[in-house]
Amino acid sequence: MTLVRTLYKPLGPLLGVAGGLLAGRLSGHLWKLVSGEQEPPAANRQDRGWGEVLLAATLQGAVFGLVKAAVDRGGATLFDKVTGEWPGDKGDGHKT
């Protein structure tokens, strides 16, 4: 690993925090569009049904996964453009 790629290491957690905040806001907005309610139900709310709780968790998980991948990929792409080095594994295109 080169020195330039090592510089990317501290950016990962910062991007993760920013992505988490963004994902939280996006999932809240999506839940409001789907249900009309301000916040998704907590899993331990007795007055909410299984379907509603699981749907909210599914939407939240999908949004967090999407935002994490977009932030990670965007950060790596930007780092590559600025430094000329890809910060992660380049891979050979084949899975074993």
PDB file of N, CA and C in Angstrom:
ATOM      1  N   MET A   1       0.858  -1.177   0.000  1.00  0.00           N
ATOM      2  CA  MET A   1       0.000   0.000   0.000  1.00  0.00           C
ATOM      3  C   MET A   1       0.902   1.238   0.000  1.00  0.00           C
ATOM      4  N   THR A   2       0.615   2.158  -0.883  1.00  0.00           N
ATOM      5  CA  THR A   2       1.427   3.368  -0.985  1.00  0.00           C
ATOM      6  C   THR A   2       1.023   4.377   0.076  1.00  0.00           C
ATOM      7  N   LEU A   3       1.889   5.361   0.263  1.00  0.00           N
ATOM      8  CA  LEU A   3       1.617   6.432   1.234  1.00  0.00           C
ATOM      9  C   LEU A   3       0.341   7.184   0.853  1.00  0.00           C
ATOM     10  N   VAL A   4       0.147   7.422  -0.422  1.00  0.00           N
ATOM     11  CA  VAL A   4      -1.044   8.151  -0.871  1.00  0.00           C
ATOM     12  C   VAL A   4      -2.311   7.377  -0.506  1.00  0.00           C
ATOM     13  N   ARG A   5      -2.302   6.069  -0.714  1.00  0.00           N
ATOM     14  CA  ARG A   5      -3.472   5.257  -0.366  1.00  0.00           C
ATOM     15  C   ARG A   5      -3.691   5.221   1.140  1.00  0.00           C
ATOM     16  N   THR A   6      -2.620   5.286   1.918  1.00  0.00           N
ATOM     17  CA  THR A   6      -2.731   5.313   3.370  1.00  0.00           C
ATOM     18  C   THR A   6      -3.452   6.576   3.832  1.00  0.00           C
ATOM     19  N   LEU A   7      -3.287   7.657   3.096  1.00  0.00           N
ATOM     20  CA  LEU A   7      -3.954   8.909   3.442  1.00  0.00           C
ATOM     21  C   LEU A   7      -5.480   8.792   3.358  1.00  0.00           C
ATOM     22  N   TYR A   8      -5.952   7.834   2.585  1.00  0.00           N
ATOM     23  CA  TYR A   8      -7.398   7.643   2.431  1.00  0.00           C
ATOM     24  C   TYR A   8      -8.030   7.040   3.690  1.00  0.00           C
ATOM     25  N   LYS A   9      -7.246   6.317   4.470  1.00  0.00           N
ATOM     26  CA  LYS A   9      -7.774   5.601   5.647  1.00  0.00           C
ATOM     27  C   LYS A   9      -8.604   6.476   6.583  1.00  0.00           C
ATOM     28  N   PRO A  10      -8.141   7.681   6.982  1.00  0.00           N
ATOM     29  CA  PRO A  10      -8.960   8.481   7.896  1.00  0.00           C
ATOM     30  C   PRO A  10     -10.212   9.059   7.246  1.00  0.00           C
ATOM     31  N   LEU A  11     -10.263   9.084   5.931  1.00  0.00           N
ATOM     32  CA  LEU A  11     -11.446   9.616   5.262  1.00  0.00           C
ATOM     33  C   LEU A  11     -12.636   8.664   5.347  1.00  0.00           C
ATOM     34  N   GLY A  12     -12.368   7.382   5.423  1.00  0.00           N
ATOM     35  CA  GLY A  12     -13.439   6.392   5.482  1.00  0.00           C
ATOM     36  C   GLY A  12     -14.434   6.623   6.608  1.00  0.00           C
ATOM     37  N   PRO A  13     -13.957   6.744   7.855  1.00  0.00           N
ATOM     38  CA  PRO A  13     -14.897   6.992   8.954  1.00  0.00           C
ATOM     39  C   PRO A  13     -15.652   8.318   8.809  1.00  0.00           C
ATOM     40  N   LEU A  14     -14.976   9.338   8.313  1.00  0.00           N
ATOM     41  CA  LEU A  14     -15.656  10.627   8.122  1.00  0.00           C
ATOM     42  C   LEU A  14     -16.759  10.505   7.077  1.00  0.00           C
ATOM     43  N   LEU A  15     -16.455   9.814   5.988  1.00  0.00           N
ATOM     44  CA  LEU A  15     -17.476   9.593   4.963  1.00  0.00           C
ATOM     45  C   LEU A  15     -18.616   8.742   5.512  1.00  0.00           C
ATOM     46  N   GLY A  16     -18.273   7.784   6.373  1.00  0.00           N
ATOM     47  CA  GLY A  16     -19.292   6.935   6.977  1.00  0.00           C
ATOM     48  C   GLY A  16     -20.259   7.715   7.851  1.00  0.00           C
ATOM     49  N   VAL A  17     -19.737   8.640   8.638  1.00  0.00           N
ATOM     50  CA  VAL A  17     -20.592   9.472   9.491  1.00  0.00           C
ATOM     51  C   VAL A  17     -21.492  10.358   8.625  1.00  0.00           C
ATOM     52  N   ALA A  18     -20.897  10.990   7.627  1.00  0.00           N
ATOM     53  CA  ALA A  18     -21.688  11.844   6.733  1.00  0.00           C
ATOM     54  C   ALA A  18     -22.757  11.030   6.014  1.00  0.00           C
ATOM     55  N   GLY A  19     -22.394   9.838   5.555  1.00  0.00           N
ATOM     56  CA  GLY A  19     -23.359   8.969   4.890  1.00  0.00           C
ATOM     57  C   GLY A  19     -24.470   8.526   5.823  1.00  0.00           C
ATOM     58  N   GLY A  20     -24.125   8.229   7.076  1.00  0.00           N
ATOM     59  CA  GLY A  20     -25.131   7.828   8.062  1.00  0.00           C
ATOM     60  C   GLY A  20     -26.142   8.936   8.326  1.00  0.00           C
ATOM     61  N   LEU A  21     -25.640  10.150   8.440  1.00  0.00           N
ATOM     62  CA  LEU A  21     -26.546  11.290   8.652  1.00  0.00           C
ATOM     63  C   LEU A  21     -27.464  11.485   7.447  1.00  0.00           C
ATOM     64  N   LEU A  22     -26.890  11.408   6.258  1.00  0.00           N
ATOM     65  CA  LEU A  22     -27.678  11.547   5.039  1.00  0.00           C
ATOM     66  C   LEU A  22     -28.713  10.430   4.929  1.00  0.00           C
ATOM     67  N   ALA A  23     -28.300   9.212   5.201  1.00  0.00           N
ATOM     68  CA  ALA A  23     -29.213   8.070   5.108  1.00  0.00           C
ATOM     69  C   ALA A  23     -30.359   8.189   6.107  1.00  0.00           C
ATOM     70  N   GLY A  24     -30.062   8.674   7.307  1.00  0.00           N
ATOM     71  CA  GLY A  24     -31.109   8.859   8.307  1.00  0.00           C
ATOM     72  C   GLY A  24     -32.169   9.843   7.837  1.00  0.00           C
ATOM     73  N   ARG A  25     -31.712  10.930   7.255  1.00  0.00           N
ATOM     74  CA  ARG A  25     -32.662  11.936   6.748  1.00  0.00           C
ATOM     75  C   ARG A  25     -33.468  11.382   5.573  1.00  0.00           C
ATOM     76  N   LEU A  26     -32.784  10.708   4.653  1.00  0.00           N
ATOM     77  CA  LEU A  26     -33.482  10.155   3.485  1.00  0.00           C
ATOM     78  C   LEU A  26     -34.501   9.090   3.888  1.00  0.00           C
ATOM     79  N   SER A  27     -34.119   8.223   4.813  1.00  0.00           N
ATOM     80  CA  SER A  27     -35.066   7.173   5.214  1.00  0.00           C
ATOM     81  C   SER A  27     -36.259   7.777   5.946  1.00  0.00           C
ATOM     82  N   GLY A  28     -36.040   8.847   6.705  1.00  0.00           N
ATOM     83  CA  GLY A  28     -37.152   9.536   7.363  1.00  0.00           C
ATOM     84  C   GLY A  28     -38.110  10.150   6.360  1.00  0.00           C
ATOM     85  N   HIS A  29     -37.551  10.776   5.318  1.00  0.00           N
ATOM     86  CA  HIS A  29     -38.393  11.362   4.267  1.00  0.00           C
ATOM     87  C   HIS A  29     -39.156  10.275   3.506  1.00  0.00           C
ATOM     88  N   LEU A  30     -38.474   9.170   3.220  1.00  0.00           N
ATOM     89  CA  LEU A  30     -39.130   8.074   2.510  1.00  0.00           C
ATOM     90  C   LEU A  30     -40.266   7.493   3.341  1.00  0.00           C
ATOM     91  N   TRP A  31     -40.038   7.320   4.641  1.00  0.00           N
ATOM     92  CA  TRP A  31     -41.089   6.791   5.503  1.00  0.00           C
ATOM     93  C   TRP A  31     -42.287   7.741   5.526  1.00  0.00           C
ATOM     94  N   LYS A  32     -42.011   9.030   5.563  1.00  0.00           N
ATOM     95  CA  LYS A  32     -43.095  10.010   5.575  1.00  0.00           C
ATOM     96  C   LYS A  32     -43.909   9.929   4.280  1.00  0.00           C
ATOM     97  N   LEU A  33     -43.237   9.736   3.151  1.00  0.00           N
ATOM     98  CA  LEU A  33     -43.948   9.589   1.875  1.00  0.00           C
ATOM     99  C   LEU A  33     -44.804   8.324   1.848  1.00  0.00           C
ATOM    100  N   VAL A  34     -44.264   7.247   2.390  1.00  0.00           N
ATOM    101  CA  VAL A  34     -44.970   5.957   2.362  1.00  0.00           C
ATOM    102  C   VAL A  34     -46.134   5.920   3.341  1.00  0.00           C
ATOM    103  N   SER A  35     -45.915   6.466   4.541  1.00  0.00           N
ATOM    104  CA  SER A  35     -46.909   6.291   5.600  1.00  0.00           C
ATOM    105  C   SER A  35     -47.658   7.561   5.996  1.00  0.00           C
ATOM    106  N   GLY A  36     -47.087   8.715   5.674  1.00  0.00           N
ATOM    107  CA  GLY A  36     -47.685   9.967   6.120  1.00  0.00           C
ATOM    108  C   GLY A  36     -47.309  10.342   7.543  1.00  0.00           C
ATOM    109  N   GLU A  37     -46.515   9.503   8.204  1.00  0.00           N
ATOM    110  CA  GLU A  37     -46.086   9.771   9.574  1.00  0.00           C
ATOM    111  C   GLU A  37     -44.688  10.378   9.584  1.00  0.00           C
ATOM    112  N   GLN A  38     -44.399  11.145  10.622  1.00  0.00           N
ATOM    113  CA  GLN A  38     -43.114  11.841  10.718  1.00  0.00           C
ATOM    114  C   GLN A  38     -41.931  10.896  10.900  1.00  0.00           C
ATOM    115  N   GLU A  39     -42.095   9.873  11.725  1.00  0.00           N
ATOM    116  CA  GLU A  39     -40.980   8.971  12.031  1.00  0.00           C
ATOM    117  C   GLU A  39     -41.420   7.524  11.903  1.00  0.00           C
ATOM    118  N   PRO A  40     -40.473   6.655  11.494  1.00  0.00           N
ATOM    119  CA  PRO A  40     -40.808   5.224  11.428  1.00  0.00           C
ATOM    120  C   PRO A  40     -41.005   4.663  12.836  1.00  0.00           C
ATOM    121  N   PRO A  41     -41.817   3.629  12.965  1.00  0.00           N
ATOM    122  CA  PRO A  41     -42.073   3.066  14.293  1.00  0.00           C
ATOM    123  C   PRO A  41     -40.866   2.303  14.826  1.00  0.00           C
ATOM    124  N   ALA A  42     -40.641   2.439  16.109  1.00  0.00           N
ATOM    125  CA  ALA A  42     -39.599   1.649  16.764  1.00  0.00           C
ATOM    126  C   ALA A  42     -40.094   0.212  16.904  1.00  0.00           C
ATOM    127  N   ALA A  43     -39.182  -0.724  16.854  1.00  0.00           N
ATOM    128  CA  ALA A  43     -39.546  -2.148  16.919  1.00  0.00           C
ATOM    129  C   ALA A  43     -40.195  -2.519  18.245  1.00  0.00           C
ATOM    130  N   ASN A  44     -39.939  -1.767  19.303  1.00  0.00           N
ATOM    131  CA  ASN A  44     -40.487  -2.130  20.609  1.00  0.00           C
ATOM    132  C   ASN A  44     -41.779  -1.384  20.945  1.00  0.00           C
ATOM    133  N   ARG A  45     -42.383  -0.746  19.952  1.00  0.00           N
ATOM    134  CA  ARG A  45     -43.671  -0.072  20.185  1.00  0.00           C
ATOM    135  C   ARG A  45     -44.784  -1.114  20.158  1.00  0.00           C
ATOM    136  N   GLN A  46     -45.500  -1.238  21.234  1.00  0.00           N
ATOM    137  CA  GLN A  46     -46.555  -2.243  21.343  1.00  0.00           C
ATOM    138  C   GLN A  46     -47.735  -1.920  20.430  1.00  0.00           C
ATOM    139  N   ASP A  47     -47.968  -0.649  20.175  1.00  0.00           N
ATOM    140  CA  ASP A  47     -49.132  -0.255  19.384  1.00  0.00           C
ATOM    141  C   ASP A  47     -48.898  -0.353  17.878  1.00  0.00           C
ATOM    142  N   ARG A  48     -47.773  -0.867  17.437  1.00  0.00           N
ATOM    143  CA  ARG A  48     -47.474  -1.020  16.008  1.00  0.00           C
ATOM    144  C   ARG A  48     -47.411  -2.485  15.655  1.00  0.00           C
ATOM    145  N   GLY A  49     -47.899  -2.824  14.480  1.00  0.00           N
ATOM    146  CA  GLY A  49     -47.909  -4.214  14.048  1.00  0.00           C
ATOM    147  C   GLY A  49     -46.585  -4.655  13.441  1.00  0.00           C
ATOM    148  N   TRP A  50     -46.461  -5.978  13.307  1.00  0.00           N
ATOM    149  CA  TRP A  50     -45.254  -6.558  12.729  1.00  0.00           C
ATOM    150  C   TRP A  50     -44.986  -6.014  11.321  1.00  0.00           C
ATOM    151  N   GLY A  51     -46.005  -5.989  10.511  1.00  0.00           N
ATOM    152  CA  GLY A  51     -45.834  -5.563   9.123  1.00  0.00           C
ATOM    153  C   GLY A  51     -45.292  -4.150   9.026  1.00  0.00           C
ATOM    154  N   GLU A  52     -45.855  -3.258   9.806  1.00  0.00           N
ATOM    155  CA  GLU A  52     -45.423  -1.858   9.773  1.00  0.00           C
ATOM    156  C   GLU A  52     -43.978  -1.713  10.257  1.00  0.00           C
ATOM    157  N   VAL A  53     -43.651  -2.393  11.341  1.00  0.00           N
ATOM    158  CA  VAL A  53     -42.296  -2.315  11.894  1.00  0.00           C
ATOM    159  C   VAL A  53     -41.283  -2.910  10.910  1.00  0.00           C
ATOM    160  N   LEU A  54     -41.613  -4.050  10.322  1.00  0.00           N
ATOM    161  CA  LEU A  54     -40.677  -4.689   9.395  1.00  0.00           C
ATOM    162  C   LEU A  54     -40.544  -3.907   8.090  1.00  0.00           C
ATOM    163  N   LEU A  55     -41.617  -3.318   7.613  1.00  0.00           N
ATOM    164  CA  LEU A  55     -41.533  -2.481   6.412  1.00  0.00           C
ATOM    165  C   LEU A  55     -40.631  -1.274   6.674  1.00  0.00           C
ATOM    166  N   ALA A  56     -40.811  -0.636   7.818  1.00  0.00           N
ATOM    167  CA  ALA A  56     -39.984   0.523   8.159  1.00  0.00           C
ATOM    168  C   ALA A  56     -38.513   0.122   8.243  1.00  0.00           C
ATOM    169  N   ALA A  57     -38.225  -1.018   8.858  1.00  0.00           N
ATOM    170  CA  ALA A  57     -36.845  -1.482   8.982  1.00  0.00           C
ATOM    171  C   ALA A  57     -36.261  -1.842   7.614  1.00  0.00           C
ATOM    172  N   THR A  58     -37.058  -2.424   6.753  1.00  0.00           N
ATOM    173  CA  THR A  58     -36.600  -2.774   5.412  1.00  0.00           C
ATOM    174  C   THR A  58     -36.258  -1.524   4.612  1.00  0.00           C
ATOM    175  N   LEU A  59     -37.130  -0.537   4.656  1.00  0.00           N
ATOM    176  CA  LEU A  59     -36.851   0.717   3.948  1.00  0.00           C
ATOM    177  C   LEU A  59     -35.592   1.384   4.487  1.00  0.00           C
ATOM    178  N   GLN A  60     -35.470   1.413   5.812  1.00  0.00           N
ATOM    179  CA  GLN A  60     -34.304   2.033   6.421  1.00  0.00           C
ATOM    180  C   GLN A  60     -33.023   1.292   6.026  1.00  0.00           C
ATOM    181  N   GLY A  61     -33.049  -0.019   6.052  1.00  0.00           N
ATOM    182  CA  GLY A  61     -31.873  -0.808   5.677  1.00  0.00           C
ATOM    183  C   GLY A  61     -31.488  -0.615   4.223  1.00  0.00           C
ATOM    184  N   ALA A  62     -32.485  -0.574   3.346  1.00  0.00           N
ATOM    185  CA  ALA A  62     -32.204  -0.370   1.927  1.00  0.00           C
ATOM    186  C   ALA A  62     -31.587   1.005   1.680  1.00  0.00           C
ATOM    187  N   VAL A  63     -32.132   2.025   2.334  1.00  0.00           N
ATOM    188  CA  VAL A  63     -31.598   3.380   2.166  1.00  0.00           C
ATOM    189  C   VAL A  63     -30.178   3.458   2.710  1.00  0.00           C
ATOM    190  N   PHE A  64     -29.935   2.888   3.879  1.00  0.00           N
ATOM    191  CA  PHE A  64     -28.588   2.929   4.449  1.00  0.00           C
ATOM    192  C   PHE A  64     -27.594   2.187   3.554  1.00  0.00           C
ATOM    193  N   GLY A  65     -27.979   1.039   3.026  1.00  0.00           N
ATOM    194  CA  GLY A  65     -27.094   0.292   2.130  1.00  0.00           C
ATOM    195  C   GLY A  65     -26.784   1.059   0.862  1.00  0.00           C
ATOM    196  N   LEU A  66     -27.812   1.660   0.289  1.00  0.00           N
ATOM    197  CA  LEU A  66     -27.631   2.443  -0.937  1.00  0.00           C
ATOM    198  C   LEU A  66     -26.732   3.651  -0.690  1.00  0.00           C
ATOM    199  N   VAL A  67     -26.993   4.385   0.369  1.00  0.00           N
ATOM    200  CA  VAL A  67     -26.192   5.580   0.662  1.00  0.00           C
ATOM    201  C   VAL A  67     -24.754   5.195   0.996  1.00  0.00           C
ATOM    202  N   LYS A  68     -24.559   4.121   1.760  1.00  0.00           N
ATOM    203  CA  LYS A  68     -23.198   3.692   2.098  1.00  0.00           C
ATOM    204  C   LYS A  68     -22.417   3.350   0.844  1.00  0.00           C
ATOM    205  N   ALA A  69     -23.025   2.586  -0.049  1.00  0.00           N
ATOM    206  CA  ALA A  69     -22.334   2.220  -1.287  1.00  0.00           C
ATOM    207  C   ALA A  69     -22.038   3.456  -2.133  1.00  0.00           C
ATOM    208  N   ALA A  70     -22.993   4.374  -2.230  1.00  0.00           N
ATOM    209  CA  ALA A  70     -22.788   5.585  -3.028  1.00  0.00           C
ATOM    210  C   ALA A  70     -21.694   6.467  -2.436  1.00  0.00           C
ATOM    211  N   VAL A  71     -21.686   6.624  -1.116  1.00  0.00           N
ATOM    212  CA  VAL A  71     -20.667   7.449  -0.464  1.00  0.00           C
ATOM    213  C   VAL A  71     -19.293   6.796  -0.579  1.00  0.00           C
ATOM    214  N   ASP A  72     -19.204   5.490  -0.341  1.00  0.00           N
ATOM    215  CA  ASP A  72     -17.931   4.787  -0.460  1.00  0.00           C
ATOM    216  C   ASP A  72     -17.388   4.869  -1.881  1.00  0.00           C
ATOM    217  N   ARG A  73     -18.257   4.601  -2.854  1.00  0.00           N
ATOM    218  CA  ARG A  73     -17.827   4.619  -4.250  1.00  0.00           C
ATOM    219  C   ARG A  73     -17.462   6.034  -4.689  1.00  0.00           C
ATOM    220  N   GLY A  74     -18.276   7.011  -4.295  1.00  0.00           N
ATOM    221  CA  GLY A  74     -17.993   8.396  -4.645  1.00  0.00           C
ATOM    222  C   GLY A  74     -16.694   8.886  -4.034  1.00  0.00           C
ATOM    223  N   GLY A  75     -16.449   8.526  -2.779  1.00  0.00           N
ATOM    224  CA  GLY A  75     -15.205   8.912  -2.116  1.00  0.00           C
ATOM    225  C   GLY A  75     -13.992   8.291  -2.788  1.00  0.00           C
ATOM    226  N   ALA A  76     -14.093   7.010  -3.143  1.00  0.00           N
ATOM    227  CA  ALA A  76     -12.984   6.327  -3.812  1.00  0.00           C
ATOM    228  C   ALA A  76     -12.738   6.924  -5.198  1.00  0.00           C
ATOM    229  N   THR A  77     -13.818   7.223  -5.908  1.00  0.00           N
ATOM    230  CA  THR A  77     -13.686   7.810  -7.246  1.00  0.00           C
ATOM    231  C   THR A  77     -13.047   9.194  -7.168  1.00  0.00           C
ATOM    232  N   LEU A  78     -13.499  10.006  -6.233  1.00  0.00           N
ATOM    233  CA  LEU A  78     -12.922  11.338  -6.076  1.00  0.00           C
ATOM    234  C   LEU A  78     -11.446  11.251  -5.684  1.00  0.00           C
ATOM    235  N   PHE A  79     -11.127  10.347  -4.759  1.00  0.00           N
ATOM    236  CA  PHE A  79      -9.740  10.158  -4.343  1.00  0.00           C
ATOM    237  C   PHE A  79      -8.882   9.762  -5.535  1.00  0.00           C
ATOM    238  N   ASP A  80      -9.388   8.869  -6.370  1.00  0.00           N
ATOM    239  CA  ASP A  80      -8.668   8.433  -7.566  1.00  0.00           C
ATOM    240  C   ASP A  80      -8.440   9.602  -8.526  1.00  0.00           C
ATOM    241  N   LYS A  81      -9.454  10.427  -8.706  1.00  0.00           N
ATOM    242  CA  LYS A  81      -9.310  11.573  -9.609  1.00  0.00           C
ATOM    243  C   LYS A  81      -8.305  12.589  -9.089  1.00  0.00           C
ATOM    244  N   VAL A  82      -8.291  12.796  -7.769  1.00  0.00           N
ATOM    245  CA  VAL A  82      -7.386  13.789  -7.179  1.00  0.00           C
ATOM    246  C   VAL A  82      -5.951  13.275  -7.119  1.00  0.00           C
ATOM    247  N   THR A  83      -5.776  11.997  -6.733  1.00  0.00           N
ATOM    248  CA  THR A  83      -4.429  11.471  -6.500  1.00  0.00           C
ATOM    249  C   THR A  83      -3.899  10.594  -7.624  1.00  0.00           C
ATOM    250  N   GLY A  84      -4.802  10.073  -8.447  1.00  0.00           N
ATOM    251  CA  GLY A  84      -4.379   9.139  -9.490  1.00  0.00           C
ATOM    252  C   GLY A  84      -4.227   7.715  -8.995  1.00  0.00           C
ATOM    253  N   GLU A  85      -4.630   7.455  -7.749  1.00  0.00           N
ATOM    254  CA  GLU A  85      -4.560   6.103  -7.188  1.00  0.00           C
ATOM    255  C   GLU A  85      -5.900   5.687  -6.613  1.00  0.00           C
ATOM    256  N   TRP A  86      -6.320   4.484  -6.947  1.00  0.00           N
ATOM    257  CA  TRP A  86      -7.549   3.927  -6.389  1.00  0.00           C
ATOM    258  C   TRP A  86      -7.262   3.500  -4.957  1.00  0.00           C
ATOM    259  N   PRO A  87      -8.076   3.918  -3.976  1.00  0.00           N
ATOM    260  CA  PRO A  87      -7.750   3.658  -2.571  1.00  0.00           C
ATOM    261  C   PRO A  87      -8.017   2.237  -2.096  1.00  0.00           C
ATOM    262  N   GLY A  88      -8.823   1.491  -2.800  1.00  0.00           N
ATOM    263  CA  GLY A  88      -9.166   0.142  -2.359  1.00  0.00           C
ATOM    264  C   GLY A  88      -8.592  -0.904  -3.271  1.00  0.00           C
ATOM    265  N   ASP A  89      -9.150  -2.098  -3.186  1.00  0.00           N
ATOM    266  CA  ASP A  89      -8.715  -3.192  -4.049  1.00  0.00           C
ATOM    267  C   ASP A  89      -9.157  -2.925  -5.471  1.00  0.00           C
ATOM    268  N   LYS A  90      -8.268  -3.170  -6.399  1.00  0.00           N
ATOM    269  CA  LYS A  90      -8.631  -3.010  -7.808  1.00  0.00           C
ATOM    270  C   LYS A  90      -9.260  -4.294  -8.326  1.00  0.00           C
ATOM    271  N   GLY A  91      -8.854  -5.416  -7.791  1.00  0.00           N
ATOM    272  CA  GLY A  91      -9.414  -6.695  -8.203  1.00  0.00           C
ATOM    273  C   GLY A  91      -9.004  -7.041  -9.624  1.00  0.00           C
ATOM    274  N   ASP A  92      -9.303  -8.263 -10.005  1.00  0.00           N
ATOM    275  CA  ASP A  92      -8.985  -8.696 -11.371  1.00  0.00           C
ATOM    276  C   ASP A  92     -10.235  -8.964 -12.180  1.00  0.00           C
ATOM    277  N   GLY A  93     -11.397  -8.639 -11.595  1.00  0.00           N
ATOM    278  CA  GLY A  93     -12.642  -8.830 -12.321  1.00  0.00           C
ATOM    279  C   GLY A  93     -13.223 -10.227 -12.209  1.00  0.00           C
ATOM    280  N   HIS A  94     -12.548 -11.113 -11.498  1.00  0.00           N
ATOM    281  CA  HIS A  94     -13.014 -12.496 -11.363  1.00  0.00           C
ATOM    282  C   HIS A  94     -13.272 -12.813  -9.911  1.00  0.00           C
ATOM    283  N   LYS A  95     -14.382 -13.461  -9.662  1.00  0.00           N
ATOM    284  CA  LYS A  95     -14.665 -13.940  -8.309  1.00  0.00           C
ATOM    285  C   LYS A  95     -14.305 -15.410  -8.224  1.00  0.00           C
ATOM    286  N   THR A  96     -13.809 -15.793  -7.081  1.00  0.00           N
ATOM    287  CA  THR A  96     -13.464 -17.201  -6.901  1.00  0.00           C
ATOM    288  C   THR A  96     -14.386 -17.856  -5.931  1.00  0.00           C
TER     289      THR A  96
END
